[in-house]
Amino acid sequence: MILGNDKTKLSKRHGAESINSFREKGFLPISIINYLARLGWSHGDQEIFSINEMKEFFSLDNLNKSPAVFDIEKIFMG
């Protein structure tokens, strides 16, 4: 499950965004991919991954069972 910043279930009232709207706002595709991959998944303390690193390190065993919080500001970190 993905939650909004207010810790409630993510829904239309949080403001629906399309991938194209993120591109128009200047978000880099790798930043979006990295952020979405990291929602509910971790690999140690590393927060930024290349596509090849994601393919190498991703494991269902590392998925978090707790709900993830979608925070658009964190995409800027990617």
N, C-alpha and C. Protein backbone atom coordinates (compact mmCIF):
# COMPACT_ATOMS: atom_id res chain seq x y z
N MET A 1 0.85 -1.17 0.00
CA MET A 1 0.00 0.00 0.00
C MET A 1 0.90 1.23 0.00
N ILE A 2 0.46 2.27 -0.70
CA ILE A 2 1.20 3.53 -0.74
C ILE A 2 0.34 4.60 -0.08
N LEU A 3 0.97 5.34 0.83
CA LEU A 3 0.29 6.40 1.56
C LEU A 3 0.74 7.77 1.07
N GLY A 4 -0.11 8.77 1.27
CA GLY A 4 0.25 10.15 0.99
C GLY A 4 1.04 10.72 2.15
N ASN A 5 1.51 11.96 2.01
CA ASN A 5 2.27 12.62 3.09
C ASN A 5 1.49 12.68 4.39
N ASP A 6 0.17 12.68 4.29
CA ASP A 6 -0.66 12.75 5.50
C ASP A 6 -0.89 11.37 6.12
N LYS A 7 -0.20 10.36 5.60
CA LYS A 7 -0.24 8.98 6.10
C LYS A 7 -1.59 8.28 5.89
N THR A 8 -2.39 8.82 4.95
CA THR A 8 -3.63 8.14 4.56
C THR A 8 -3.41 7.50 3.19
N LYS A 9 -4.23 6.51 2.87
CA LYS A 9 -4.11 5.79 1.61
C LYS A 9 -4.07 6.77 0.44
N LEU A 10 -3.09 6.60 -0.45
CA LEU A 10 -2.94 7.49 -1.60
C LEU A 10 -4.19 7.39 -2.47
N SER A 11 -4.74 8.54 -2.83
CA SER A 11 -5.96 8.57 -3.62
C SER A 11 -5.97 9.81 -4.50
N LYS A 12 -7.03 9.95 -5.30
CA LYS A 12 -7.16 11.10 -6.20
C LYS A 12 -7.10 12.43 -5.46
N ARG A 13 -7.58 12.47 -4.23
CA ARG A 13 -7.59 13.74 -3.51
C ARG A 13 -6.19 14.23 -3.18
N HIS A 14 -5.20 13.34 -3.28
CA HIS A 14 -3.82 13.75 -3.08
C HIS A 14 -3.27 14.42 -4.34
N GLY A 15 -4.02 14.38 -5.41
CA GLY A 15 -3.59 15.00 -6.66
C GLY A 15 -2.96 13.97 -7.58
N ALA A 16 -3.68 13.54 -8.57
CA ALA A 16 -3.18 12.55 -9.51
C ALA A 16 -2.16 13.18 -10.44
N GLU A 17 -1.07 12.49 -10.65
CA GLU A 17 -0.01 12.95 -11.55
C GLU A 17 0.24 11.87 -12.59
N SER A 18 0.53 12.28 -13.80
CA SER A 18 0.92 11.32 -14.83
C SER A 18 2.44 11.36 -14.98
N ILE A 19 2.99 10.34 -15.59
CA ILE A 19 4.44 10.33 -15.85
C ILE A 19 4.81 11.54 -16.71
N ASN A 20 3.97 11.86 -17.68
CA ASN A 20 4.25 13.03 -18.53
C ASN A 20 4.30 14.32 -17.73
N SER A 21 3.44 14.46 -16.73
CA SER A 21 3.47 15.69 -15.93
C SER A 21 4.77 15.79 -15.14
N PHE A 22 5.30 14.66 -14.69
CA PHE A 22 6.60 14.69 -14.00
C PHE A 22 7.70 15.11 -14.98
N ARG A 23 7.65 14.59 -16.20
CA ARG A 23 8.64 14.99 -17.22
C ARG A 23 8.54 16.48 -17.51
N GLU A 24 7.32 16.98 -17.66
CA GLU A 24 7.12 18.41 -17.94
C GLU A 24 7.64 19.29 -16.81
N LYS A 25 7.63 18.76 -15.59
CA LYS A 25 8.14 19.51 -14.44
C LYS A 25 9.66 19.41 -14.32
N GLY A 26 10.28 18.64 -15.22
CA GLY A 26 11.73 18.55 -15.24
C GLY A 26 12.33 17.38 -14.49
N PHE A 27 11.49 16.45 -14.02
CA PHE A 27 12.04 15.29 -13.34
C PHE A 27 12.73 14.38 -14.35
N LEU A 28 13.90 13.91 -14.02
CA LEU A 28 14.62 12.98 -14.89
C LEU A 28 13.99 11.59 -14.78
N PRO A 29 13.88 10.87 -15.90
CA PRO A 29 13.30 9.53 -15.85
C PRO A 29 13.98 8.62 -14.82
N ILE A 30 15.31 8.66 -14.73
CA ILE A 30 16.01 7.80 -13.77
C ILE A 30 15.64 8.17 -12.34
N SER A 31 15.35 9.44 -12.08
CA SER A 31 14.94 9.84 -10.73
C SER A 31 13.59 9.24 -10.36
N ILE A 32 12.67 9.26 -11.31
CA ILE A 32 11.34 8.69 -11.07
C ILE A 32 11.44 7.18 -10.87
N ILE A 33 12.18 6.52 -11.74
CA ILE A 33 12.35 5.07 -11.64
C ILE A 33 13.00 4.70 -10.31
N ASN A 34 14.06 5.42 -9.95
CA ASN A 34 14.77 5.14 -8.71
C ASN A 34 13.84 5.32 -7.51
N TYR A 35 13.09 6.42 -7.51
CA TYR A 35 12.20 6.68 -6.38
C TYR A 35 11.12 5.61 -6.26
N LEU A 36 10.49 5.26 -7.37
CA LEU A 36 9.42 4.25 -7.33
C LEU A 36 9.96 2.88 -6.92
N ALA A 37 11.17 2.55 -7.38
CA ALA A 37 11.77 1.28 -6.98
C ALA A 37 12.04 1.24 -5.49
N ARG A 38 12.39 2.39 -4.93
CA ARG A 38 12.73 2.46 -3.51
C ARG A 38 11.52 2.53 -2.59
N LEU A 39 10.34 2.74 -3.13
CA LEU A 39 9.13 2.72 -2.29
C LEU A 39 8.91 1.29 -1.81
N GLY A 40 9.18 1.03 -0.56
CA GLY A 40 8.94 -0.28 0.00
C GLY A 40 10.05 -1.29 -0.21
N TRP A 41 11.18 -0.88 -0.80
CA TRP A 41 12.30 -1.78 -1.03
C TRP A 41 13.57 -1.11 -0.56
N SER A 42 14.49 -1.88 -0.05
CA SER A 42 15.77 -1.30 0.36
C SER A 42 16.90 -2.27 0.09
N HIS A 43 18.08 -1.70 -0.01
CA HIS A 43 19.31 -2.48 -0.14
C HIS A 43 20.36 -1.77 0.70
N GLY A 44 20.39 -2.11 1.96
CA GLY A 44 21.32 -1.45 2.87
C GLY A 44 20.99 0.03 3.01
N ASP A 45 22.03 0.84 3.12
CA ASP A 45 21.85 2.29 3.27
C ASP A 45 21.84 3.03 1.94
N GLN A 46 22.08 2.32 0.84
CA GLN A 46 22.14 2.96 -0.48
C GLN A 46 20.76 3.47 -0.87
N GLU A 47 20.70 4.72 -1.33
CA GLU A 47 19.41 5.31 -1.72
C GLU A 47 19.30 5.59 -3.21
N ILE A 48 20.41 5.72 -3.90
CA ILE A 48 20.39 6.03 -5.33
C ILE A 48 21.01 4.86 -6.08
N PHE A 49 20.27 4.35 -7.07
CA PHE A 49 20.70 3.18 -7.82
C PHE A 49 20.64 3.46 -9.32
N SER A 50 21.58 2.90 -10.05
CA SER A 50 21.48 2.90 -11.51
C SER A 50 20.52 1.77 -11.89
N ILE A 51 20.10 1.75 -13.13
CA ILE A 51 19.22 0.68 -13.60
C ILE A 51 19.91 -0.68 -13.41
N ASN A 52 21.19 -0.75 -13.75
CA ASN A 52 21.92 -2.01 -13.61
C ASN A 52 22.01 -2.44 -12.15
N GLU A 53 22.21 -1.50 -11.24
CA GLU A 53 22.24 -1.84 -9.81
C GLU A 53 20.88 -2.34 -9.34
N MET A 54 19.81 -1.71 -9.82
CA MET A 54 18.47 -2.18 -9.44
C MET A 54 18.27 -3.62 -9.89
N LYS A 55 18.66 -3.92 -11.13
CA LYS A 55 18.52 -5.28 -11.64
C LYS A 55 19.35 -6.26 -10.83
N GLU A 56 20.54 -5.83 -10.43
CA GLU A 56 21.44 -6.71 -9.68
C GLU A 56 20.97 -6.96 -8.25
N PHE A 57 20.52 -5.90 -7.58
CA PHE A 57 20.25 -5.99 -6.14
C PHE A 57 18.79 -6.25 -5.77
N PHE A 58 17.85 -5.99 -6.68
CA PHE A 58 16.44 -6.12 -6.30
C PHE A 58 16.11 -7.55 -5.93
N SER A 59 15.41 -7.69 -4.82
CA SER A 59 14.96 -8.99 -4.36
C SER A 59 13.64 -8.82 -3.63
N LEU A 60 12.70 -9.69 -3.89
CA LEU A 60 11.43 -9.64 -3.18
C LEU A 60 11.62 -9.83 -1.67
N ASP A 61 12.71 -10.47 -1.30
CA ASP A 61 13.00 -10.67 0.13
C ASP A 61 13.26 -9.35 0.85
N ASN A 62 13.64 -8.31 0.09
CA ASN A 62 13.95 -7.01 0.69
C ASN A 62 12.77 -6.04 0.66
N LEU A 63 11.58 -6.53 0.28
CA LEU A 63 10.41 -5.66 0.29
C LEU A 63 9.94 -5.46 1.72
N ASN A 64 9.58 -4.22 2.02
CA ASN A 64 9.08 -3.88 3.34
C ASN A 64 7.58 -4.17 3.39
N LYS A 65 7.13 -4.76 4.46
CA LYS A 65 5.70 -5.07 4.58
C LYS A 65 4.88 -3.87 5.06
N SER A 66 5.54 -2.84 5.55
CA SER A 66 4.85 -1.63 6.00
C SER A 66 4.47 -0.77 4.81
N PRO A 67 3.40 0.02 4.92
CA PRO A 67 3.02 0.91 3.82
C PRO A 67 4.12 1.93 3.53
N ALA A 68 4.29 2.27 2.26
CA ALA A 68 5.26 3.27 1.84
C ALA A 68 4.57 4.63 1.75
N VAL A 69 5.31 5.70 2.03
CA VAL A 69 4.77 7.06 1.94
C VAL A 69 5.32 7.72 0.68
N PHE A 70 4.42 8.15 -0.20
CA PHE A 70 4.82 8.84 -1.43
C PHE A 70 5.08 10.31 -1.10
N ASP A 71 6.33 10.74 -1.28
CA ASP A 71 6.73 12.12 -1.01
C ASP A 71 7.43 12.65 -2.25
N ILE A 72 6.73 13.48 -3.03
CA ILE A 72 7.26 13.97 -4.30
C ILE A 72 8.60 14.68 -4.13
N GLU A 73 8.84 15.31 -2.99
CA GLU A 73 10.10 16.02 -2.77
C GLU A 73 11.30 15.08 -2.81
N LYS A 74 11.11 13.83 -2.47
CA LYS A 74 12.23 12.88 -2.46
C LYS A 74 12.66 12.50 -3.87
N ILE A 75 11.82 12.73 -4.87
CA ILE A 75 12.22 12.43 -6.24
C ILE A 75 13.38 13.33 -6.64
N PHE A 76 13.44 14.54 -6.11
CA PHE A 76 14.51 15.47 -6.43
C PHE A 76 15.88 14.92 -6.02
N MET A 77 15.90 14.01 -5.05
CA MET A 77 17.16 13.47 -4.56
C MET A 77 17.80 12.50 -5.54
N GLY A 78 17.00 11.98 -6.50
CA GLY A 78 17.48 10.95 -7.41
C GLY A 78 18.37 11.39 -8.48
